Amino acid sequence: MTTDVNQSVTSGVRPGLRLKKARETLNLSLDDVAKHLKSNKKIIEALEKEDVPNLPQSIYVSGYLRSYANLVSLPAGDILETYPNLGVADPILPKFKSTTNSAKFGTGTLVKKKFNFNSILIVILLVIIVALGGWFYTQIFSQNFFQDFSQDSFQDSFQENGSLSSSTTGIASSAELENSDLNLQAQDLQTLDLQTQLQEEIEQELIQEKQKLAAAATDVVLGTNSRLLLELSKDSWVEVEDAKGKKLLYRLIKAPARRVVEGQAPFKVFLGNAPGVSLNYNGFPYDLTSHTDGDVAQLTIGKANDNLRKKN
């Protein structure tokens, strides 16, 4: 069969036509080839007509051509070398709105938050400076007052009764020391309270900023019920459709990347570069081996009888 196909499809014919003639020689329909390649009839027709604008990105075209050539017993290397514009075609990608809430995480909001934080910090520092100034003023005033009082008020008493003056001076000195200690303790407590309050406010601001950044770090497509995690080590075209037919993902994703979709299972998944993608369904890794043909994988995940198990 291989010899007959190669003899009937000469190397001088364009690669798309060679694939078509080889398919017809083997009595295969477009639907047969599409089913084997896990693709659709329109892509197979575009491959045979070499309709580059209607084909996906060249990396996926290469996978389709290789699988198609192997199916109809043609040399895959020859088909890939002669296929036109292989490496130039780009996919027609749909436009998506950014999942990042720019109004919430925009530069203006961050600047405003930073400005408010700086204003609070300046006010607290001013309060601390005023408190320290009042404490120093109290200390100086107390020392001068007791010095003047002890020198002027008790000088005559000391002359009339030396022992009484000495006792009174000793009492005044003790009262002055006790008053100074009380003032110092009160100021220390006030300063400590201000420092604790400032530290708590700073920590609260940092926690809020970290939470906001963490919320924006993962690109999540929200839905209900089940969760599907895709981790990409290589660029790949990804399509994910939920049980209601809603497309949760339909785009080319650049590696490295991590995407999470949530919706109603089962999910229909199409991967253009399956070796560069790993799946995790509801917390369990999903083995793509049995669903992969070449570089392409097409599967339905989330059915009741799915064999969900951790990879060895």
Protein backbone atom coordinates (compact mmCIF):
# COMPACT_ATOMS: atom_id res chain seq x y z
CA MET A 1 0.00 0.00 0.00
CA THR A 2 2.83 2.41 0.84
CA THR A 3 4.55 1.74 -2.50
CA ASP A 4 1.32 2.30 -4.44
CA VAL A 5 0.68 5.65 -2.74
CA ASN A 6 4.21 6.90 -3.33
CA GLN A 7 4.07 5.86 -6.99
CA SER A 8 0.71 7.55 -7.58
CA VAL A 9 1.71 10.85 -5.83
CA THR A 10 4.89 12.25 -7.39
CA SER A 11 7.28 14.58 -5.62
CA GLY A 12 6.76 17.27 -8.30
CA VAL A 13 3.17 17.94 -7.13
CA ARG A 14 2.51 20.64 -4.52
CA PRO A 15 2.45 19.19 -0.97
CA GLY A 16 -1.24 20.01 -0.36
CA LEU A 17 -2.27 18.27 -3.56
CA ARG A 18 0.02 15.32 -2.76
CA LEU A 19 -1.81 14.86 0.55
CA LYS A 20 -5.20 15.05 -1.18
CA LYS A 21 -4.26 12.53 -3.90
CA ALA A 22 -2.77 10.15 -1.36
CA ARG A 23 -5.96 10.39 0.72
CA GLU A 24 -8.14 9.69 -2.30
CA THR A 25 -5.91 6.78 -3.30
CA LEU A 26 -6.54 5.24 0.14
CA ASN A 27 -10.30 5.97 -0.20
CA LEU A 28 -10.25 8.19 2.89
CA SER A 29 -12.75 11.05 3.28
CA LEU A 30 -12.01 14.46 4.80
CA ASP A 31 -14.03 13.41 7.83
CA ASP A 32 -11.88 10.27 8.22
CA VAL A 33 -8.68 12.34 8.24
CA ALA A 34 -10.18 14.99 10.56
CA LYS A 35 -11.23 12.27 13.01
CA HIS A 36 -7.78 10.65 12.96
CA LEU A 37 -6.00 14.03 13.44
CA LYS A 38 -8.56 15.02 16.09
CA SER A 39 -9.20 18.21 14.18
CA ASN A 40 -12.03 19.44 11.96
CA LYS A 41 -12.90 19.18 8.29
CA LYS A 42 -12.20 22.87 7.54
CA ILE A 43 -8.58 22.62 8.71
CA ILE A 44 -8.01 19.48 6.59
CA GLU A 45 -9.43 21.27 3.53
CA ALA A 46 -7.22 24.31 4.23
CA LEU A 47 -4.15 22.04 4.51
CA GLU A 48 -4.86 20.43 1.13
CA LYS A 49 -5.59 23.79 -0.55
CA GLU A 50 -2.55 25.39 1.17
CA ASP A 51 -4.91 28.12 2.36
CA VAL A 52 -2.38 29.64 4.79
CA PRO A 53 -4.53 32.59 6.06
CA ASN A 54 -7.16 30.18 7.38
CA LEU A 55 -4.67 27.90 9.14
CA PRO A 56 -3.53 28.18 12.77
CA GLN A 57 0.03 29.11 13.75
CA SER A 58 2.83 27.35 11.92
CA ILE A 59 3.86 25.23 14.92
CA TYR A 60 0.42 23.56 14.87
CA VAL A 61 0.35 23.34 11.07
CA SER A 62 3.62 21.38 11.30
CA GLY A 63 2.00 18.91 13.70
CA TYR A 64 -1.05 18.47 11.47
CA LEU A 65 1.09 17.98 8.33
CA ARG A 66 3.32 15.44 10.03
CA SER A 67 0.35 13.41 11.30
CA TYR A 68 -1.45 13.68 7.93
CA ALA A 69 1.65 12.55 5.98
CA ASN A 70 2.15 9.57 8.28
CA LEU A 71 -1.52 8.63 7.91
CA VAL A 72 -1.35 8.50 4.09
CA SER A 73 2.20 7.03 4.01
CA LEU A 74 3.96 10.09 2.56
CA PRO A 75 7.43 11.27 3.71
CA ALA A 76 6.66 13.84 6.42
CA GLY A 77 10.02 15.59 6.05
CA ASP A 78 9.43 16.18 2.33
CA ILE A 79 5.93 17.57 2.95
CA LEU A 80 7.17 19.95 5.67
CA GLU A 81 10.09 21.21 3.53
CA THR A 82 7.94 21.99 0.49
CA TYR A 83 4.85 23.37 2.24
CA PRO A 84 4.56 27.15 1.51
CA ASN A 85 5.00 29.84 4.17
CA LEU A 86 5.43 27.30 6.94
CA GLY A 87 6.65 29.43 9.86
CA VAL A 88 4.99 32.66 8.62
CA ALA A 89 1.32 31.96 9.26
CA ASP A 90 -0.17 33.36 12.42
CA PRO A 91 -3.43 32.36 14.04
CA ILE A 92 -6.48 34.58 13.81
CA LEU A 93 -6.86 35.22 17.50
CA PRO A 94 -10.01 36.62 19.15
CA LYS A 95 -9.74 39.79 21.11
CA PHE A 96 -10.06 39.48 24.87
CA LYS A 97 -10.63 42.09 27.47
CA SER A 98 -7.91 42.28 30.08
CA THR A 99 -8.80 40.31 33.19
CA THR A 100 -6.83 42.77 35.30
CA ASN A 101 -9.04 45.45 36.84
CA SER A 102 -7.05 48.52 35.80
CA ALA A 103 -9.35 50.81 37.73
CA LYS A 104 -8.66 48.87 40.88
CA PHE A 105 -4.95 48.26 40.46
CA GLY A 106 -4.10 51.30 38.31
CA THR A 107 -1.13 53.57 38.85
CA GLY A 108 -3.31 56.43 40.07
CA THR A 109 -4.78 54.31 42.87
CA LEU A 110 -1.34 53.10 44.00
CA VAL A 111 0.00 56.65 43.99
CA LYS A 112 -3.01 57.80 46.01
CA LYS A 113 -2.50 54.97 48.51
CA LYS A 114 1.18 55.84 48.81
CA PHE A 115 0.33 59.53 49.27
CA ASN A 116 -2.20 58.74 52.05
CA PHE A 117 0.30 56.48 53.79
CA ASN A 118 3.01 59.16 53.67
CA SER A 119 0.60 61.75 55.05
CA ILE A 120 -0.29 59.52 57.99
CA LEU A 121 3.39 58.84 58.65
CA ILE A 122 4.22 62.58 58.64
CA VAL A 123 1.38 63.36 61.08
CA ILE A 124 2.51 60.62 63.46
CA LEU A 125 6.12 61.86 63.34
CA LEU A 126 4.94 65.41 64.10
CA VAL A 127 2.96 64.15 67.10
CA ILE A 128 6.03 62.31 68.40
CA ILE A 129 8.20 65.43 67.97
CA VAL A 130 5.66 67.64 69.81
CA ALA A 131 5.36 65.08 72.62
CA LEU A 132 9.14 64.89 73.03
CA GLY A 133 9.37 68.71 73.00
CA GLY A 134 6.71 68.94 75.70
CA TRP A 135 8.53 66.36 77.78
CA PHE A 136 11.86 68.24 77.58
CA TYR A 137 10.09 71.51 78.39
CA THR A 138 8.44 69.90 81.42
CA GLN A 139 11.77 68.57 82.63
CA ILE A 140 13.52 71.94 82.30
CA PHE A 141 10.61 73.84 83.90
CA SER A 142 10.39 71.40 86.80
CA GLN A 143 14.12 71.66 87.52
CA ASN A 144 14.13 75.49 87.43
CA PHE A 145 11.00 75.75 89.57
CA PHE A 146 12.23 73.48 92.33
CA GLN A 147 15.68 75.07 92.26
CA ASP A 148 14.21 78.59 92.67
CA PHE A 149 11.73 77.44 95.28
CA SER A 150 14.38 75.64 97.35
CA GLN A 151 16.81 78.54 97.14
CA ASP A 152 14.39 81.45 97.86
CA SER A 153 11.64 79.96 100.03
CA PHE A 154 13.74 77.83 102.30
CA GLN A 155 16.84 80.04 102.66
CA ASP A 156 15.43 82.02 105.64
CA SER A 157 14.11 78.89 107.30
CA PHE A 158 17.53 77.33 107.00
CA GLN A 159 19.07 80.28 108.79
CA GLU A 160 16.48 80.10 111.63
CA ASN A 161 16.47 76.36 111.91
CA GLY A 162 19.20 74.56 110.02
CA SER A 163 17.87 71.09 110.70
CA LEU A 164 14.36 71.95 109.49
CA SER A 165 15.72 73.59 106.32
CA SER A 166 17.83 70.52 105.60
CA SER A 167 14.84 68.23 106.06
CA THR A 168 12.62 70.42 103.87
CA THR A 169 15.27 70.61 101.14
CA GLY A 170 15.64 66.84 101.23
CA ILE A 171 11.86 66.40 100.91
CA ALA A 172 11.76 68.85 97.97
CA SER A 173 14.59 67.04 96.23
CA SER A 174 12.83 63.70 96.71
CA ALA A 175 9.55 65.10 95.36
CA GLU A 176 11.39 66.54 92.36
CA LEU A 177 13.00 63.21 91.58
CA GLU A 178 9.71 61.34 91.94
CA ASN A 179 7.94 63.87 89.70
CA SER A 180 10.69 63.58 87.06
CA ASP A 181 10.47 59.79 87.13
CA LEU A 182 6.67 59.89 86.73
CA ASN A 183 6.91 62.31 83.82
CA LEU A 184 9.59 60.21 82.17
CA GLN A 185 7.53 57.03 82.53
CA ALA A 186 4.41 58.74 81.16
CA GLN A 187 6.33 60.07 78.14
CA ASP A 188 7.92 56.66 77.53
CA LEU A 189 4.49 55.00 77.58
CA GLN A 190 3.07 57.61 75.21
CA THR A 191 5.99 57.22 72.80
CA LEU A 192 5.69 53.41 72.95
CA ASP A 193 1.95 53.59 72.20
CA LEU A 194 2.57 55.84 69.20
CA GLN A 195 5.31 53.56 67.88
CA THR A 196 3.07 50.48 68.31
CA GLN A 197 0.18 52.20 66.53
CA LEU A 198 2.47 53.28 63.68
CA GLN A 199 3.86 49.76 63.29
CA GLU A 200 0.36 48.23 63.24
CA GLU A 201 -0.81 50.69 60.57
CA ILE A 202 2.25 50.00 58.43
CA GLU A 203 1.76 46.22 58.72
CA GLN A 204 -1.93 46.55 57.84
CA GLU A 205 -1.09 48.58 54.72
CA LEU A 206 1.49 46.00 53.65
CA ILE A 207 -0.96 43.11 54.16
CA GLN A 208 -3.62 44.87 52.06
CA GLU A 209 -1.14 45.59 49.25
CA LYS A 210 0.08 41.97 49.25
CA GLN A 211 -3.50 40.69 49.07
CA LYS A 212 -4.26 42.96 46.11
CA LEU A 213 -1.10 41.92 44.27
CA ALA A 214 -1.79 38.23 44.97
CA ALA A 215 -5.33 38.61 43.61
CA ALA A 216 -3.98 40.15 40.39
CA ALA A 217 -1.08 37.66 39.97
CA THR A 218 -3.23 34.73 38.76
CA ASP A 219 -5.30 35.06 35.61
CA VAL A 220 -8.59 33.30 36.61
CA VAL A 221 -11.64 32.80 34.37
CA LEU A 222 -14.57 32.53 36.82
CA GLY A 223 -17.38 30.03 36.49
CA THR A 224 -19.05 27.46 38.75
CA ASN A 225 -18.72 23.92 40.07
CA SER A 226 -15.41 22.48 38.73
CA ARG A 227 -11.84 23.79 38.42
CA LEU A 228 -9.29 23.13 35.66
CA LEU A 229 -5.64 24.23 36.01
CA LEU A 230 -3.36 24.51 32.95
CA GLU A 231 0.40 25.00 33.34
CA LEU A 232 2.37 25.75 30.16
CA SER A 233 6.10 25.21 29.72
CA LYS A 234 5.84 25.85 25.94
CA ASP A 235 3.68 28.12 23.79
CA SER A 236 0.37 26.48 22.87
CA TRP A 237 -3.03 27.22 21.37
CA VAL A 238 -5.64 26.39 24.05
CA GLU A 239 -9.39 25.94 23.75
CA VAL A 240 -11.60 25.13 26.77
CA GLU A 241 -15.39 24.84 26.53
CA ASP A 242 -17.71 24.03 29.45
CA ALA A 243 -20.80 21.80 29.50
CA LYS A 244 -23.01 24.68 28.35
CA GLY A 245 -20.88 25.30 25.26
CA LYS A 246 -19.36 28.51 26.67
CA LYS A 247 -15.75 29.09 25.60
CA LEU A 248 -13.73 29.74 28.76
CA LEU A 249 -10.41 29.90 26.89
CA TYR A 250 -9.75 30.37 23.16
CA ARG A 251 -6.34 31.84 22.56
CA LEU A 252 -2.61 31.36 22.05
CA ILE A 253 -0.89 31.34 25.45
CA LYS A 254 2.80 32.19 25.71
CA ALA A 255 4.95 30.11 28.09
CA PRO A 256 5.68 30.06 30.89
CA ALA A 257 2.09 30.59 32.00
CA ARG A 258 -0.53 29.35 34.42
CA ARG A 259 -4.27 29.56 33.75
CA VAL A 260 -7.25 28.48 35.89
CA VAL A 261 -10.80 28.09 34.61
CA GLU A 262 -13.88 27.32 36.66
CA GLY A 263 -17.18 26.22 35.17
CA GLN A 264 -19.69 23.43 34.77
CA ALA A 265 -18.05 20.11 33.89
CA PRO A 266 -17.38 18.27 31.67
CA PHE A 267 -14.86 20.48 29.83
CA LYS A 268 -13.93 20.02 26.17
CA VAL A 269 -10.21 20.74 25.80
CA PHE A 270 -8.09 21.23 22.67
CA LEU A 271 -4.30 21.69 22.97
CA GLY A 272 -2.21 22.58 19.94
CA ASN A 273 1.10 21.75 21.66
CA ALA A 274 0.18 19.08 24.21
CA PRO A 275 3.77 18.12 25.24
CA GLY A 276 4.18 21.65 26.65
CA VAL A 277 0.96 21.62 28.73
CA SER A 278 0.01 19.84 31.98
CA LEU A 279 -3.57 19.62 33.31
CA ASN A 280 -4.89 19.47 36.88
CA TYR A 281 -8.61 18.79 37.38
CA ASN A 282 -10.14 19.57 40.82
CA GLY A 283 -6.76 19.15 42.51
CA PHE A 284 -5.65 15.98 40.67
CA PRO A 285 -3.16 15.76 37.76
CA TYR A 286 -4.69 14.50 34.50
CA ASP A 287 -2.73 12.21 32.17
CA LEU A 288 -2.82 13.45 28.55
CA THR A 289 -0.91 10.52 27.03
CA SER A 290 -3.92 8.58 25.76
CA HIS A 291 -5.43 11.73 24.22
CA THR A 292 -2.34 12.99 22.36
CA ASP A 293 -1.55 12.39 18.70
CA GLY A 294 1.75 13.99 17.71
CA ASP A 295 1.67 17.47 19.26
CA VAL A 296 -2.15 17.78 19.35
CA ALA A 297 -4.46 16.69 22.17
CA GLN A 298 -8.25 16.74 22.13
CA LEU A 299 -10.28 15.42 25.07
CA THR A 300 -13.30 15.78 27.34
CA ILE A 301 -12.49 15.96 31.05
CA GLY A 302 -14.84 15.93 34.02
CA LYS A 303 -17.22 13.11 33.07
CA ALA A 304 -18.38 10.79 35.87
CA ASN A 305 -16.34 7.85 34.53
CA ASP A 306 -13.12 9.81 33.92
CA ASN A 307 -9.95 8.08 35.12
CA LEU A 308 -8.60 10.91 37.31
CA ARG A 309 -5.38 9.91 39.01
CA LYS A 310 -2.08 11.41 40.10
CA LYS A 311 0.87 10.98 37.74
CA ASN A 312 3.61 8.59 38.90
